[in-house]
Amino acid sequence: MPLETLSAAHIRVTCDACRTANAEVCGKRDLPLMARTAAVRKFRAAGWGHEPHEYTRTEALGEARGNGLGRWFCPACARSRQP
């Protein structure tokens, strides 16, 4: 599930594998775009796995990684998905 903006300040992600784990970040002092970028960094630092959609253009793939587009996996599911 892509990142979901609940309000201008809250960003939530739900695990695409188990659909039970979720995490939320509050960036009430940031603009929505900056809050989203900070949330992506915080989720990755906490162990959440991110799998961006497949894009044909390199610029679009980089943008998807930075904006959190694509599938997210909780730390437990991300570890089980590692090769």
PDB file of N, CA and C in Angstrom:
ATOM      1  N   MET A   1       0.854  -1.168   0.000  1.00  0.00           N
ATOM      2  CA  MET A   1       0.000   0.000   0.000  1.00  0.00           C
ATOM      3  C   MET A   1       0.900   1.231   0.000  1.00  0.00           C
ATOM      4  N   PRO A   2       0.706   2.162  -0.892  1.00  0.00           N
ATOM      5  CA  PRO A   2       1.509   3.373  -0.898  1.00  0.00           C
ATOM      6  C   PRO A   2       1.270   4.181   0.382  1.00  0.00           C
ATOM      7  N   LEU A   3       2.128   5.145   0.595  1.00  0.00           N
ATOM      8  CA  LEU A   3       1.950   5.999   1.763  1.00  0.00           C
ATOM      9  C   LEU A   3       0.626   6.719   1.670  1.00  0.00           C
ATOM     10  N   GLU A   4      -0.058   6.807   2.767  1.00  0.00           N
ATOM     11  CA  GLU A   4      -1.372   7.441   2.818  1.00  0.00           C
ATOM     12  C   GLU A   4      -1.278   8.680   3.694  1.00  0.00           C
ATOM     13  N   THR A   5      -1.615   9.837   3.159  1.00  0.00           N
ATOM     14  CA  THR A   5      -1.598  11.064   3.936  1.00  0.00           C
ATOM     15  C   THR A   5      -2.938  11.218   4.633  1.00  0.00           C
ATOM     16  N   LEU A   6      -2.930  11.153   5.960  1.00  0.00           N
ATOM     17  CA  LEU A   6      -4.166  11.243   6.731  1.00  0.00           C
ATOM     18  C   LEU A   6      -4.611  12.689   6.879  1.00  0.00           C
ATOM     19  N   SER A   7      -3.693  13.549   7.131  1.00  0.00           N
ATOM     20  CA  SER A   7      -3.942  14.978   7.164  1.00  0.00           C
ATOM     21  C   SER A   7      -2.653  15.613   6.676  1.00  0.00           C
ATOM     22  N   ALA A   8      -2.533  16.893   6.792  1.00  0.00           N
ATOM     23  CA  ALA A   8      -1.313  17.537   6.327  1.00  0.00           C
ATOM     24  C   ALA A   8      -0.100  17.092   7.130  1.00  0.00           C
ATOM     25  N   ALA A   9      -0.315  16.481   8.282  1.00  0.00           N
ATOM     26  CA  ALA A   9       0.810  16.173   9.149  1.00  0.00           C
ATOM     27  C   ALA A   9       1.047  14.683   9.376  1.00  0.00           C
ATOM     28  N   HIS A  10       0.032  13.829   9.260  1.00  0.00           N
ATOM     29  CA  HIS A  10       0.180  12.417   9.593  1.00  0.00           C
ATOM     30  C   HIS A  10       0.332  11.567   8.337  1.00  0.00           C
ATOM     31  N   ILE A  11       1.355  10.695   8.356  1.00  0.00           N
ATOM     32  CA  ILE A  11       1.599   9.783   7.238  1.00  0.00           C
ATOM     33  C   ILE A  11       1.592   8.366   7.801  1.00  0.00           C
ATOM     34  N   ARG A  12       0.806   7.485   7.219  1.00  0.00           N
ATOM     35  CA  ARG A  12       0.692   6.105   7.690  1.00  0.00           C
ATOM     36  C   ARG A  12       1.031   5.149   6.561  1.00  0.00           C
ATOM     37  N   VAL A  13       1.669   4.046   6.926  1.00  0.00           N
ATOM     38  CA  VAL A  13       1.965   2.984   5.976  1.00  0.00           C
ATOM     39  C   VAL A  13       1.462   1.675   6.580  1.00  0.00           C
ATOM     40  N   THR A  14       0.914   0.804   5.724  1.00  0.00           N
ATOM     41  CA  THR A  14       0.417  -0.507   6.145  1.00  0.00           C
ATOM     42  C   THR A  14       1.163  -1.578   5.364  1.00  0.00           C
ATOM     43  N   CYS A  15       1.519  -2.659   6.016  1.00  0.00           N
ATOM     44  CA  CYS A  15       2.270  -3.744   5.377  1.00  0.00           C
ATOM     45  C   CYS A  15       1.436  -4.394   4.279  1.00  0.00           C
ATOM     46  N   ASP A  16       2.017  -4.554   3.094  1.00  0.00           N
ATOM     47  CA  ASP A  16       1.328  -5.178   1.973  1.00  0.00           C
ATOM     48  C   ASP A  16       1.280  -6.698   2.090  1.00  0.00           C
ATOM     49  N   ALA A  17       2.151  -7.278   2.900  1.00  0.00           N
ATOM     50  CA  ALA A  17       2.168  -8.731   3.024  1.00  0.00           C
ATOM     51  C   ALA A  17       1.171  -9.220   4.070  1.00  0.00           C
ATOM     52  N   CYS A  18       1.283  -8.732   5.301  1.00  0.00           N
ATOM     53  CA  CYS A  18       0.413  -9.240   6.369  1.00  0.00           C
ATOM     54  C   CYS A  18      -0.832  -8.383   6.579  1.00  0.00           C
ATOM     55  N   ARG A  19      -0.833  -7.160   6.110  1.00  0.00           N
ATOM     56  CA  ARG A  19      -1.970  -6.227   6.218  1.00  0.00           C
ATOM     57  C   ARG A  19      -2.389  -5.924   7.658  1.00  0.00           C
ATOM     58  N   THR A  20      -1.589  -6.333   8.651  1.00  0.00           N
ATOM     59  CA  THR A  20      -1.949  -6.048  10.035  1.00  0.00           C
ATOM     60  C   THR A  20      -1.036  -5.001  10.656  1.00  0.00           C
ATOM     61  N   ALA A  21       0.226  -4.985  10.265  1.00  0.00           N
ATOM     62  CA  ALA A  21       1.177  -4.033  10.839  1.00  0.00           C
ATOM     63  C   ALA A  21       1.055  -2.691  10.132  1.00  0.00           C
ATOM     64  N   ASN A  22       1.125  -1.625  10.914  1.00  0.00           N
ATOM     65  CA  ASN A  22       1.157  -0.299  10.322  1.00  0.00           C
ATOM     66  C   ASN A  22       1.999   0.614  11.194  1.00  0.00           C
ATOM     67  N   ALA A  23       2.438   1.704  10.615  1.00  0.00           N
ATOM     68  CA  ALA A  23       3.241   2.691  11.331  1.00  0.00           C
ATOM     69  C   ALA A  23       2.783   4.070  10.880  1.00  0.00           C
ATOM     70  N   GLU A  24       2.950   5.029  11.773  1.00  0.00           N
ATOM     71  CA  GLU A  24       2.489   6.386  11.480  1.00  0.00           C
ATOM     72  C   GLU A  24       3.539   7.379  11.947  1.00  0.00           C
ATOM     73  N   VAL A  25       3.727   8.418  11.155  1.00  0.00           N
ATOM     74  CA  VAL A  25       4.667   9.487  11.481  1.00  0.00           C
ATOM     75  C   VAL A  25       3.901  10.797  11.463  1.00  0.00           C
ATOM     76  N   CYS A  26       4.175  11.641  12.444  1.00  0.00           N
ATOM     77  CA  CYS A  26       3.554  12.954  12.495  1.00  0.00           C
ATOM     78  C   CYS A  26       4.617  14.002  12.196  1.00  0.00           C
ATOM     79  N   GLY A  27       4.424  14.753  11.131  1.00  0.00           N
ATOM     80  CA  GLY A  27       5.342  15.815  10.760  1.00  0.00           C
ATOM     81  C   GLY A  27       4.646  17.150  10.779  1.00  0.00           C
ATOM     82  N   LYS A  28       4.029  17.491  11.901  1.00  0.00           N
ATOM     83  CA  LYS A  28       3.165  18.668  11.944  1.00  0.00           C
ATOM     84  C   LYS A  28       3.887  19.985  11.721  1.00  0.00           C
ATOM     85  N   ARG A  29       5.193  19.986  11.847  1.00  0.00           N
ATOM     86  CA  ARG A  29       5.927  21.228  11.607  1.00  0.00           C
ATOM     87  C   ARG A  29       6.438  21.331  10.172  1.00  0.00           C
ATOM     88  N   ASP A  30       6.225  20.303   9.381  1.00  0.00           N
ATOM     89  CA  ASP A  30       6.723  20.267   8.007  1.00  0.00           C
ATOM     90  C   ASP A  30       5.607  20.485   7.001  1.00  0.00           C
ATOM     91  N   LEU A  31       5.977  20.940   5.831  1.00  0.00           N
ATOM     92  CA  LEU A  31       5.040  20.974   4.711  1.00  0.00           C
ATOM     93  C   LEU A  31       4.740  19.529   4.313  1.00  0.00           C
ATOM     94  N   PRO A  32       3.580  19.259   3.708  1.00  0.00           N
ATOM     95  CA  PRO A  32       3.213  17.876   3.379  1.00  0.00           C
ATOM     96  C   PRO A  32       4.278  17.124   2.575  1.00  0.00           C
ATOM     97  N   LEU A  33       4.895  17.776   1.591  1.00  0.00           N
ATOM     98  CA  LEU A  33       5.910  17.090   0.786  1.00  0.00           C
ATOM     99  C   LEU A  33       7.135  16.752   1.629  1.00  0.00           C
ATOM    100  N   MET A  34       7.555  17.666   2.469  1.00  0.00           N
ATOM    101  CA  MET A  34       8.716  17.422   3.327  1.00  0.00           C
ATOM    102  C   MET A  34       8.390  16.369   4.389  1.00  0.00           C
ATOM    103  N   ALA A  35       7.165  16.373   4.898  1.00  0.00           N
ATOM    104  CA  ALA A  35       6.751  15.368   5.884  1.00  0.00           C
ATOM    105  C   ALA A  35       6.774  13.981   5.255  1.00  0.00           C
ATOM    106  N   ARG A  36       6.362  13.888   4.015  1.00  0.00           N
ATOM    107  CA  ARG A  36       6.345  12.612   3.300  1.00  0.00           C
ATOM    108  C   ARG A  36       7.762  12.092   3.089  1.00  0.00           C
ATOM    109  N   THR A  37       8.668  12.963   2.677  1.00  0.00           N
ATOM    110  CA  THR A  37      10.058  12.571   2.462  1.00  0.00           C
ATOM    111  C   THR A  37      10.703  12.137   3.773  1.00  0.00           C
ATOM    112  N   ALA A  38      10.447  12.875   4.840  1.00  0.00           N
ATOM    113  CA  ALA A  38      10.994  12.510   6.154  1.00  0.00           C
ATOM    114  C   ALA A  38      10.403  11.189   6.632  1.00  0.00           C
ATOM    115  N   ALA A  39       9.132  10.956   6.352  1.00  0.00           N
ATOM    116  CA  ALA A  39       8.481   9.707   6.762  1.00  0.00           C
ATOM    117  C   ALA A  39       9.119   8.511   6.067  1.00  0.00           C
ATOM    118  N   VAL A  40       9.422   8.649   4.783  1.00  0.00           N
ATOM    119  CA  VAL A  40      10.067   7.556   4.045  1.00  0.00           C
ATOM    120  C   VAL A  40      11.384   7.206   4.714  1.00  0.00           C
ATOM    121  N   ARG A  41      12.185   8.198   5.078  1.00  0.00           N
ATOM    122  CA  ARG A  41      13.470   7.952   5.741  1.00  0.00           C
ATOM    123  C   ARG A  41      13.263   7.275   7.097  1.00  0.00           C
ATOM    124  N   LYS A  42      12.275   7.736   7.855  1.00  0.00           N
ATOM    125  CA  LYS A  42      12.025   7.170   9.184  1.00  0.00           C
ATOM    126  C   LYS A  42      11.538   5.728   9.093  1.00  0.00           C
ATOM    127  N   PHE A  43      10.663   5.430   8.145  1.00  0.00           N
ATOM    128  CA  PHE A  43      10.173   4.063   7.987  1.00  0.00           C
ATOM    129  C   PHE A  43      11.314   3.123   7.607  1.00  0.00           C
ATOM    130  N   ARG A  44      12.166   3.553   6.690  1.00  0.00           N
ATOM    131  CA  ARG A  44      13.307   2.722   6.294  1.00  0.00           C
ATOM    132  C   ARG A  44      14.260   2.517   7.456  1.00  0.00           C
ATOM    133  N   ALA A  45      14.512   3.565   8.235  1.00  0.00           N
ATOM    134  CA  ALA A  45      15.407   3.454   9.388  1.00  0.00           C
ATOM    135  C   ALA A  45      14.843   2.506  10.441  1.00  0.00           C
ATOM    136  N   ALA A  46      13.531   2.410  10.527  1.00  0.00           N
ATOM    137  CA  ALA A  46      12.880   1.518  11.495  1.00  0.00           C
ATOM    138  C   ALA A  46      12.797   0.083  10.999  1.00  0.00           C
ATOM    139  N   GLY A  47      13.277  -0.187   9.789  1.00  0.00           N
ATOM    140  CA  GLY A  47      13.303  -1.558   9.278  1.00  0.00           C
ATOM    141  C   GLY A  47      12.219  -1.895   8.276  1.00  0.00           C
ATOM    142  N   TRP A  48      11.369  -0.944   7.936  1.00  0.00           N
ATOM    143  CA  TRP A  48      10.332  -1.203   6.946  1.00  0.00           C
ATOM    144  C   TRP A  48      10.978  -1.364   5.572  1.00  0.00           C
ATOM    145  N   GLY A  49      10.508  -2.341   4.819  1.00  0.00           N
ATOM    146  CA  GLY A  49      11.023  -2.574   3.465  1.00  0.00           C
ATOM    147  C   GLY A  49      10.152  -1.876   2.445  1.00  0.00           C
ATOM    148  N   HIS A  50      10.789  -1.344   1.414  1.00  0.00           N
ATOM    149  CA  HIS A  50      10.067  -0.620   0.368  1.00  0.00           C
ATOM    150  C   HIS A  50      10.410  -1.216  -0.982  1.00  0.00           C
ATOM    151  N   GLU A  51       9.383  -1.496  -1.755  1.00  0.00           N
ATOM    152  CA  GLU A  51       9.547  -2.044  -3.093  1.00  0.00           C
ATOM    153  C   GLU A  51       8.824  -1.112  -4.063  1.00  0.00           C
ATOM    154  N   PRO A  52       9.565  -0.191  -4.719  1.00  0.00           N
ATOM    155  CA  PRO A  52       8.898   0.748  -5.625  1.00  0.00           C
ATOM    156  C   PRO A  52       8.323   0.026  -6.836  1.00  0.00           C
ATOM    157  N   HIS A  53       7.310   0.624  -7.426  1.00  0.00           N
ATOM    158  CA  HIS A  53       6.732   0.070  -8.644  1.00  0.00           C
ATOM    159  C   HIS A  53       7.792   0.020  -9.726  1.00  0.00           C
ATOM    160  N   GLU A  54       7.606  -0.818 -10.693  1.00  0.00           N
ATOM    161  CA  GLU A  54       8.519  -0.879 -11.831  1.00  0.00           C
ATOM    162  C   GLU A  54       8.198   0.265 -12.784  1.00  0.00           C
ATOM    163  N   TYR A  55       9.183   1.049 -13.079  1.00  0.00           N
ATOM    164  CA  TYR A  55       9.020   2.171 -13.987  1.00  0.00           C
ATOM    165  C   TYR A  55      10.002   2.026 -15.138  1.00  0.00           C
ATOM    166  N   THR A  56       9.627   2.530 -16.292  1.00  0.00           N
ATOM    167  CA  THR A  56      10.506   2.438 -17.452  1.00  0.00           C
ATOM    168  C   THR A  56      11.533   3.555 -17.452  1.00  0.00           C
ATOM    169  N   ARG A  57      11.187   4.689 -16.863  1.00  0.00           N
ATOM    170  CA  ARG A  57      12.120   5.809 -16.832  1.00  0.00           C
ATOM    171  C   ARG A  57      12.864   5.823 -15.505  1.00  0.00           C
ATOM    172  N   THR A  58      14.148   6.057 -15.563  1.00  0.00           N
ATOM    173  CA  THR A  58      14.964   6.099 -14.355  1.00  0.00           C
ATOM    174  C   THR A  58      14.534   7.221 -13.435  1.00  0.00           C
ATOM    175  N   GLU A  59      14.150   8.377 -14.001  1.00  0.00           N
ATOM    176  CA  GLU A  59      13.724   9.497 -13.167  1.00  0.00           C
ATOM    177  C   GLU A  59      12.488   9.127 -12.357  1.00  0.00           C
ATOM    178  N   ALA A  60      11.561   8.421 -12.982  1.00  0.00           N
ATOM    179  CA  ALA A  60      10.324   8.033 -12.298  1.00  0.00           C
ATOM    180  C   ALA A  60      10.617   7.033 -11.180  1.00  0.00           C
ATOM    181  N   LEU A  61      11.563   6.136 -11.389  1.00  0.00           N
ATOM    182  CA  LEU A  61      11.924   5.164 -10.356  1.00  0.00           C
ATOM    183  C   LEU A  61      12.549   5.874  -9.162  1.00  0.00           C
ATOM    184  N   GLY A  62      13.430   6.840  -9.419  1.00  0.00           N
ATOM    185  CA  GLY A  62      14.033   7.612  -8.335  1.00  0.00           C
ATOM    186  C   GLY A  62      12.995   8.404  -7.567  1.00  0.00           C
ATOM    187  N   GLU A  63      12.031   8.957  -8.290  1.00  0.00           N
ATOM    188  CA  GLU A  63      10.954   9.712  -7.646  1.00  0.00           C
ATOM    189  C   GLU A  63      10.088   8.789  -6.794  1.00  0.00           C
ATOM    190  N   ALA A  64       9.817   7.582  -7.282  1.00  0.00           N
ATOM    191  CA  ALA A  64       9.017   6.618  -6.519  1.00  0.00           C
ATOM    192  C   ALA A  64       9.719   6.223  -5.229  1.00  0.00           C
ATOM    193  N   ARG A  65      11.026   6.056  -5.294  1.00  0.00           N
ATOM    194  CA  ARG A  65      11.774   5.721  -4.076  1.00  0.00           C
ATOM    195  C   ARG A  65      11.737   6.861  -3.077  1.00  0.00           C
ATOM    196  N   GLY A  66      11.880   8.083  -3.554  1.00  0.00           N
ATOM    197  CA  GLY A  66      11.898   9.243  -2.667  1.00  0.00           C
ATOM    198  C   GLY A  66      10.539   9.577  -2.072  1.00  0.00           C
ATOM    199  N   ASN A  67       9.475   9.321  -2.824  1.00  0.00           N
ATOM    200  CA  ASN A  67       8.124   9.660  -2.366  1.00  0.00           C
ATOM    201  C   ASN A  67       7.411   8.500  -1.683  1.00  0.00           C
ATOM    202  N   GLY A  68       8.007   7.316  -1.700  1.00  0.00           N
ATOM    203  CA  GLY A  68       7.396   6.175  -1.027  1.00  0.00           C
ATOM    204  C   GLY A  68       6.316   5.477  -1.829  1.00  0.00           C
ATOM    205  N   LEU A  69       6.299   5.679  -3.134  1.00  0.00           N
ATOM    206  CA  LEU A  69       5.317   4.997  -3.968  1.00  0.00           C
ATOM    207  C   LEU A  69       5.694   3.530  -4.100  1.00  0.00           C
ATOM    208  N   GLY A  70       4.726   2.672  -4.118  1.00  0.00           N
ATOM    209  CA  GLY A  70       4.985   1.251  -4.252  1.00  0.00           C
ATOM    210  C   GLY A  70       4.497   0.480  -3.045  1.00  0.00           C
ATOM    211  N   ARG A  71       5.102  -0.689  -2.821  1.00  0.00           N
ATOM    212  CA  ARG A  71       4.681  -1.578  -1.746  1.00  0.00           C
ATOM    213  C   ARG A  71       5.592  -1.412  -0.541  1.00  0.00           C
ATOM    214  N   TRP A  72       5.001  -1.490   0.658  1.00  0.00           N
ATOM    215  CA  TRP A  72       5.737  -1.398   1.913  1.00  0.00           C
ATOM    216  C   TRP A  72       5.540  -2.687   2.699  1.00  0.00           C
ATOM    217  N   PHE A  73       6.601  -3.111   3.400  1.00  0.00           N
ATOM    218  CA  PHE A  73       6.555  -4.334   4.191  1.00  0.00           C
ATOM    219  C   PHE A  73       7.075  -4.053   5.595  1.00  0.00           C
ATOM    220  N   CYS A  74       6.358  -4.549   6.601  1.00  0.00           N
ATOM    221  CA  CYS A  74       6.778  -4.360   7.991  1.00  0.00           C
ATOM    222  C   CYS A  74       8.133  -5.034   8.189  1.00  0.00           C
ATOM    223  N   PRO A  75       8.836  -4.722   9.265  1.00  0.00           N
ATOM    224  CA  PRO A  75      10.168  -5.312   9.465  1.00  0.00           C
ATOM    225  C   PRO A  75      10.170  -6.843   9.440  1.00  0.00           C
ATOM    226  N   ALA A  76       9.164  -7.486  10.023  1.00  0.00           N
ATOM    227  CA  ALA A  76       9.115  -8.954  10.034  1.00  0.00           C
ATOM    228  C   ALA A  76       8.930  -9.506   8.629  1.00  0.00           C
ATOM    229  N   CYS A  77       8.022  -8.938   7.867  1.00  0.00           N
ATOM    230  CA  CYS A  77       7.783  -9.410   6.504  1.00  0.00           C
ATOM    231  C   CYS A  77       8.942  -9.044   5.574  1.00  0.00           C
ATOM    232  N   ALA A  78       9.576  -7.904   5.822  1.00  0.00           N
ATOM    233  CA  ALA A  78      10.721  -7.490   5.001  1.00  0.00           C
ATOM    234  C   ALA A  78      11.879  -8.471   5.185  1.00  0.00           C
ATOM    235  N   ARG A  79      12.097  -8.944   6.427  1.00  0.00           N
ATOM    236  CA  ARG A  79      13.165  -9.921   6.668  1.00  0.00           C
ATOM    237  C   ARG A  79      12.857 -11.229   5.969  1.00  0.00           C
ATOM    238  N   SER A  80      11.607 -11.664   5.958  1.00  0.00           N
ATOM    239  CA  SER A  80      11.249 -12.929   5.329  1.00  0.00           C
ATOM    240  C   SER A  80      11.294 -12.855   3.813  1.00  0.00           C
ATOM    241  N   ARG A  81      11.227 -11.655   3.242  1.00  0.00           N
ATOM    242  CA  ARG A  81      11.261 -11.487   1.798  1.00  0.00           C
ATOM    243  C   ARG A  81      12.682 -11.394   1.255  1.00  0.00           C
ATOM    244  N   GLN A  82      13.700 -11.270   2.140  1.00  0.00           N
ATOM    245  CA  GLN A  82      15.077 -11.150   1.702  1.00  0.00           C
ATOM    246  C   GLN A  82      15.519 -12.457   1.044  1.00  0.00           C
ATOM    247  N   PRO A  83      16.275 -12.359  -0.060  1.00  0.00           N
ATOM    248  CA  PRO A  83      16.735 -13.587  -0.736  1.00  0.00           C
ATOM    249  C   PRO A  83      17.774 -14.334   0.046  1.00  0.00           C
TER     250      PRO A  83
END
